[in-house]
PDB file of all heavy atoms in Angstrom:
ATOM      1  N   TRP A   1      17.729 119.688  86.348  1.00  0.00           N
ATOM      2  CA  TRP A   1      16.365 119.978  85.884  1.00  0.00           C
ATOM      3  C   TRP A   1      15.437 118.802  85.992  1.00  0.00           C
ATOM      4  O   TRP A   1      14.256 118.902  86.388  1.00  0.00           O
ATOM      5  CB  TRP A   1      16.396 120.484  84.443  1.00  0.00           C
ATOM      6  CG  TRP A   1      15.103 120.482  83.741  1.00  0.00           C
ATOM      7  CD1 TRP A   1      14.037 121.376  83.890  1.00  0.00           C
ATOM      8  CD2 TRP A   1      14.615 119.494  82.811  1.00  0.00           C
ATOM      9  NE1 TRP A   1      12.990 121.036  83.090  1.00  0.00           N
ATOM     10  CE2 TRP A   1      13.270 119.853  82.398  1.00  0.00           C
ATOM     11  CE3 TRP A   1      15.176 118.351  82.248  1.00  0.00           C
ATOM     12  CZ2 TRP A   1      12.561 119.140  81.463  1.00  0.00           C
ATOM     13  CZ3 TRP A   1      14.428 117.617  81.306  1.00  0.00           C
ATOM     14  CH2 TRP A   1      13.169 118.019  80.943  1.00  0.00           C
ATOM     15  N   ALA A   2      15.991 117.555  85.740  1.00  0.00           N
ATOM     16  CA  ALA A   2      15.145 116.383  85.686  1.00  0.00           C
ATOM     17  C   ALA A   2      14.591 116.038  87.074  1.00  0.00           C
ATOM     18  O   ALA A   2      15.254 116.138  88.094  1.00  0.00           O
ATOM     19  CB  ALA A   2      15.962 115.191  85.148  1.00  0.00           C
ATOM     20  N   THR A   3      13.330 115.611  87.081  1.00  0.00           N
ATOM     21  CA  THR A   3      12.665 115.161  88.335  1.00  0.00           C
ATOM     22  C   THR A   3      12.429 113.676  88.297  1.00  0.00           C
ATOM     23  O   THR A   3      11.871 113.143  89.196  1.00  0.00           O
ATOM     24  CB  THR A   3      11.314 115.901  88.518  1.00  0.00           C
ATOM     25  OG1 THR A   3      10.535 115.719  87.308  1.00  0.00           O
ATOM     26  CG2 THR A   3      11.579 117.404  88.728  1.00  0.00           C
ATOM     27  N   GLY A   4      12.814 112.957  87.251  1.00  0.00           N
ATOM     28  CA  GLY A   4      12.687 111.528  87.104  1.00  0.00           C
ATOM     29  C   GLY A   4      13.638 110.964  86.107  1.00  0.00           C
ATOM     30  O   GLY A   4      14.160 111.735  85.296  1.00  0.00           O
ATOM     31  N   PHE A   5      13.808 109.662  86.102  1.00  0.00           N
ATOM     32  CA  PHE A   5      14.731 109.027  85.158  1.00  0.00           C
ATOM     33  C   PHE A   5      14.306 109.229  83.702  1.00  0.00           C
ATOM     34  O   PHE A   5      15.148 109.356  82.812  1.00  0.00           O
ATOM     35  CB  PHE A   5      14.875 107.544  85.454  1.00  0.00           C
ATOM     36  CG  PHE A   5      15.636 107.229  86.688  1.00  0.00           C
ATOM     37  CD1 PHE A   5      15.003 106.925  87.867  1.00  0.00           C
ATOM     38  CD2 PHE A   5      17.038 107.242  86.674  1.00  0.00           C
ATOM     39  CE1 PHE A   5      15.750 106.655  89.031  1.00  0.00           C
ATOM     40  CE2 PHE A   5      17.735 106.970  87.813  1.00  0.00           C
ATOM     41  CZ  PHE A   5      17.123 106.651  89.014  1.00  0.00           C
ATOM     42  N   GLU A   6      12.997 109.305  83.475  1.00  0.00           N
ATOM     43  CA  GLU A   6      12.552 109.449  82.064  1.00  0.00           C
ATOM     44  C   GLU A   6      12.974 110.816  81.508  1.00  0.00           C
ATOM     45  O   GLU A   6      13.267 110.945  80.311  1.00  0.00           O
ATOM     46  CB  GLU A   6      11.059 109.253  82.002  1.00  0.00           C
ATOM     47  CG  GLU A   6      10.174 110.340  82.628  1.00  0.00           C
ATOM     48  CD  GLU A   6      10.106 110.171  84.143  1.00  0.00           C
ATOM     49  OE1 GLU A   6      10.605 109.153  84.699  1.00  0.00           O
ATOM     50  OE2 GLU A   6       9.560 111.097  84.838  1.00  0.00           O
ATOM     51  N   LYS A   7      13.045 111.860  82.361  1.00  0.00           N
ATOM     52  CA  LYS A   7      13.418 113.154  81.875  1.00  0.00           C
ATOM     53  C   LYS A   7      14.867 113.272  81.499  1.00  0.00           C
ATOM     54  O   LYS A   7      15.269 114.150  80.783  1.00  0.00           O
ATOM     55  CB  LYS A   7      13.045 114.241  82.997  1.00  0.00           C
ATOM     56  CG  LYS A   7      11.589 114.576  83.001  1.00  0.00           C
ATOM     57  CD  LYS A   7      11.382 115.814  83.861  1.00  0.00           C
ATOM     58  CE  LYS A   7       9.938 116.240  83.816  1.00  0.00           C
ATOM     59  NZ  LYS A   7       9.733 117.524  84.599  1.00  0.00           N
ATOM     60  N   LEU A   8      15.696 112.333  82.053  1.00  0.00           N
ATOM     61  CA  LEU A   8      17.085 112.406  81.697  1.00  0.00           C
ATOM     62  C   LEU A   8      17.346 112.016  80.266  1.00  0.00           C
ATOM     63  O   LEU A   8      18.326 112.415  79.665  1.00  0.00           O
ATOM     64  CB  LEU A   8      17.920 111.334  82.599  1.00  0.00           C
ATOM     65  CG  LEU A   8      18.019 111.658  84.026  1.00  0.00           C
ATOM     66  CD1 LEU A   8      18.735 110.523  84.750  1.00  0.00           C
ATOM     67  CD2 LEU A   8      18.768 112.920  84.280  1.00  0.00           C
ATOM     68  N   GLN A   9      16.366 111.339  79.622  1.00  0.00           N
ATOM     69  CA  GLN A   9      16.532 110.855  78.280  1.00  0.00           C
ATOM     70  C   GLN A   9      15.793 111.721  77.254  1.00  0.00           C
ATOM     71  O   GLN A   9      15.990 111.503  76.031  1.00  0.00           O
ATOM     72  CB  GLN A   9      16.048 109.401  78.166  1.00  0.00           C
ATOM     73  CG  GLN A   9      16.735 108.451  79.070  1.00  0.00           C
ATOM     74  CD  GLN A   9      18.217 108.321  78.810  1.00  0.00           C
ATOM     75  OE1 GLN A   9      18.598 108.378  77.586  1.00  0.00           O
ATOM     76  NE2 GLN A   9      19.030 108.243  79.804  1.00  0.00           N
ATOM     77  N   ILE A  10      14.946 112.623  77.711  1.00  0.00           N
ATOM     78  CA  ILE A  10      14.105 113.372  76.780  1.00  0.00           C
ATOM     79  C   ILE A  10      14.972 114.210  75.805  1.00  0.00           C
ATOM     80  O   ILE A  10      14.860 114.098  74.562  1.00  0.00           O
ATOM     81  CB  ILE A  10      13.135 114.339  77.523  1.00  0.00           C
ATOM     82  CG1 ILE A  10      12.052 113.455  78.238  1.00  0.00           C
ATOM     83  CG2 ILE A  10      12.489 115.312  76.595  1.00  0.00           C
ATOM     84  CD1 ILE A  10      11.059 114.270  79.016  1.00  0.00           C
ATOM     85  N   ILE A  11      15.868 115.090  76.365  1.00  0.00           N
ATOM     86  CA  ILE A  11      16.656 115.931  75.559  1.00  0.00           C
ATOM     87  C   ILE A  11      17.706 115.210  74.715  1.00  0.00           C
ATOM     88  O   ILE A  11      17.842 115.448  73.518  1.00  0.00           O
ATOM     89  CB  ILE A  11      17.281 117.072  76.360  1.00  0.00           C
ATOM     90  CG1 ILE A  11      16.176 117.955  76.887  1.00  0.00           C
ATOM     91  CG2 ILE A  11      18.304 117.856  75.548  1.00  0.00           C
ATOM     92  CD1 ILE A  11      16.667 119.104  77.776  1.00  0.00           C
ATOM     93  N   PRO A  12      18.468 114.244  75.282  1.00  0.00           N
ATOM     94  CA  PRO A  12      19.411 113.495  74.474  1.00  0.00           C
ATOM     95  C   PRO A  12      18.732 112.754  73.307  1.00  0.00           C
ATOM     96  O   PRO A  12      19.273 112.737  72.179  1.00  0.00           O
ATOM     97  CB  PRO A  12      20.063 112.480  75.458  1.00  0.00           C
ATOM     98  CG  PRO A  12      19.929 113.205  76.766  1.00  0.00           C
ATOM     99  CD  PRO A  12      18.589 113.886  76.726  1.00  0.00           C
ATOM    100  N   LEU A  13      17.569 112.094  73.551  1.00  0.00           N
ATOM    101  CA  LEU A  13      16.972 111.321  72.479  1.00  0.00           C
ATOM    102  C   LEU A  13      16.161 112.127  71.513  1.00  0.00           C
ATOM    103  O   LEU A  13      16.179 111.849  70.318  1.00  0.00           O
ATOM    104  CB  LEU A  13      16.041 110.239  73.174  1.00  0.00           C
ATOM    105  CG  LEU A  13      16.769 109.096  73.923  1.00  0.00           C
ATOM    106  CD1 LEU A  13      15.757 108.189  74.532  1.00  0.00           C
ATOM    107  CD2 LEU A  13      17.716 108.342  73.031  1.00  0.00           C
ATOM    108  N   LEU A  14      15.394 113.133  72.009  1.00  0.00           N
ATOM    109  CA  LEU A  14      14.510 113.871  71.156  1.00  0.00           C
ATOM    110  C   LEU A  14      15.052 115.145  70.584  1.00  0.00           C
ATOM    111  O   LEU A  14      14.460 115.729  69.690  1.00  0.00           O
ATOM    112  CB  LEU A  14      13.238 114.160  71.961  1.00  0.00           C
ATOM    113  CG  LEU A  14      12.393 112.965  72.433  1.00  0.00           C
ATOM    114  CD1 LEU A  14      11.140 113.438  73.130  1.00  0.00           C
ATOM    115  CD2 LEU A  14      12.071 112.015  71.258  1.00  0.00           C
ATOM    116  N   VAL A  15      16.176 115.587  71.126  1.00  0.00           N
ATOM    117  CA  VAL A  15      16.742 116.877  70.623  1.00  0.00           C
ATOM    118  C   VAL A  15      18.172 116.664  70.102  1.00  0.00           C
ATOM    119  O   VAL A  15      18.464 116.958  68.951  1.00  0.00           O
ATOM    120  CB  VAL A  15      16.807 117.955  71.775  1.00  0.00           C
ATOM    121  CG1 VAL A  15      17.395 119.231  71.300  1.00  0.00           C
ATOM    122  CG2 VAL A  15      15.432 118.167  72.269  1.00  0.00           C
ATOM    123  N   VAL A  16      19.092 116.172  70.978  1.00  0.00           N
ATOM    124  CA  VAL A  16      20.497 116.115  70.584  1.00  0.00           C
ATOM    125  C   VAL A  16      20.763 115.117  69.499  1.00  0.00           C
ATOM    126  O   VAL A  16      21.453 115.428  68.472  1.00  0.00           O
ATOM    127  CB  VAL A  16      21.357 115.835  71.800  1.00  0.00           C
ATOM    128  CG1 VAL A  16      22.825 115.625  71.412  1.00  0.00           C
ATOM    129  CG2 VAL A  16      21.262 116.906  72.841  1.00  0.00           C
ATOM    130  N   THR A  17      20.232 113.924  69.577  1.00  0.00           N
ATOM    131  CA  THR A  17      20.470 112.893  68.583  1.00  0.00           C
ATOM    132  C   THR A  17      19.920 113.273  67.188  1.00  0.00           C
ATOM    133  O   THR A  17      20.655 113.176  66.204  1.00  0.00           O
ATOM    134  CB  THR A  17      19.921 111.511  69.002  1.00  0.00           C
ATOM    135  OG1 THR A  17      20.555 111.137  70.216  1.00  0.00           O
ATOM    136  CG2 THR A  17      20.129 110.487  67.916  1.00  0.00           C
ATOM    137  N   PRO A  18      18.637 113.757  67.074  1.00  0.00           N
ATOM    138  CA  PRO A  18      18.168 114.257  65.769  1.00  0.00           C
ATOM    139  C   PRO A  18      19.030 115.400  65.220  1.00  0.00           C
ATOM    140  O   PRO A  18      19.311 115.413  64.035  1.00  0.00           O
ATOM    141  CB  PRO A  18      16.779 114.686  66.086  1.00  0.00           C
ATOM    142  CG  PRO A  18      16.330 113.922  67.265  1.00  0.00           C
ATOM    143  CD  PRO A  18      17.592 113.780  68.099  1.00  0.00           C
ATOM    144  N   LEU A  19      19.417 116.345  66.056  1.00  0.00           N
ATOM    145  CA  LEU A  19      20.264 117.441  65.607  1.00  0.00           C
ATOM    146  C   LEU A  19      21.630 116.915  65.098  1.00  0.00           C
ATOM    147  O   LEU A  19      22.142 117.452  64.135  1.00  0.00           O
ATOM    148  CB  LEU A  19      20.499 118.465  66.741  1.00  0.00           C
ATOM    149  CG  LEU A  19      19.297 119.333  67.139  1.00  0.00           C
ATOM    150  CD1 LEU A  19      19.704 120.249  68.250  1.00  0.00           C
ATOM    151  CD2 LEU A  19      18.828 120.137  65.927  1.00  0.00           C
ATOM    152  N   ALA A  20      22.143 115.882  65.756  1.00  0.00           N
ATOM    153  CA  ALA A  20      23.418 115.295  65.320  1.00  0.00           C
ATOM    154  C   ALA A  20      23.261 114.627  63.910  1.00  0.00           C
ATOM    155  O   ALA A  20      24.109 114.764  63.030  1.00  0.00           O
ATOM    156  CB  ALA A  20      23.963 114.308  66.309  1.00  0.00           C
ATOM    157  N   PHE A  21      22.157 113.946  63.727  1.00  0.00           N
ATOM    158  CA  PHE A  21      21.907 113.313  62.407  1.00  0.00           C
ATOM    159  C   PHE A  21      21.727 114.313  61.346  1.00  0.00           C
ATOM    160  O   PHE A  21      22.151 114.127  60.216  1.00  0.00           O
ATOM    161  CB  PHE A  21      20.653 112.359  62.520  1.00  0.00           C
ATOM    162  CG  PHE A  21      21.033 110.963  63.013  1.00  0.00           C
ATOM    163  CD1 PHE A  21      20.834 110.622  64.329  1.00  0.00           C
ATOM    164  CD2 PHE A  21      21.460 110.037  62.152  1.00  0.00           C
ATOM    165  CE1 PHE A  21      21.121 109.368  64.780  1.00  0.00           C
ATOM    166  CE2 PHE A  21      21.733 108.737  62.569  1.00  0.00           C
ATOM    167  CZ  PHE A  21      21.595 108.387  63.908  1.00  0.00           C
ATOM    168  N   LEU A  22      20.997 115.417  61.667  1.00  0.00           N
ATOM    169  CA  LEU A  22      20.774 116.469  60.702  1.00  0.00           C
ATOM    170  C   LEU A  22      21.841 117.474  60.567  1.00  0.00           C
ATOM    171  O   LEU A  22      21.788 118.403  59.816  1.00  0.00           O
ATOM    172  CB  LEU A  22      19.416 117.193  61.085  1.00  0.00           C
ATOM    173  CG  LEU A  22      18.198 116.313  61.086  1.00  0.00           C
ATOM    174  CD1 LEU A  22      17.000 117.107  61.615  1.00  0.00           C
ATOM    175  CD2 LEU A  22      17.886 115.791  59.658  1.00  0.00           C
ATOM    176  N   GLY A  23      22.908 117.334  61.407  1.00  0.00           N
ATOM    177  CA  GLY A  23      23.970 118.299  61.442  1.00  0.00           C
ATOM    178  C   GLY A  23      25.189 117.943  60.563  1.00  0.00           C
ATOM    179  O   GLY A  23      26.217 118.542  60.701  1.00  0.00           O
ATOM    180  N   GLY A  24      24.993 116.877  59.765  1.00  0.00           N
ATOM    181  CA  GLY A  24      26.117 116.551  58.832  1.00  0.00           C
ATOM    182  C   GLY A  24      27.010 115.432  59.286  1.00  0.00           C
ATOM    183  O   GLY A  24      28.143 115.267  58.890  1.00  0.00           O
TER     184      GLY A  24
END
């Protein structure tokens, strides 16, 4: 899906990591 290096970090940093912190 990513068209640039910055897009590779969007979901891991802004979605997955916060969900992990809020997931117990």
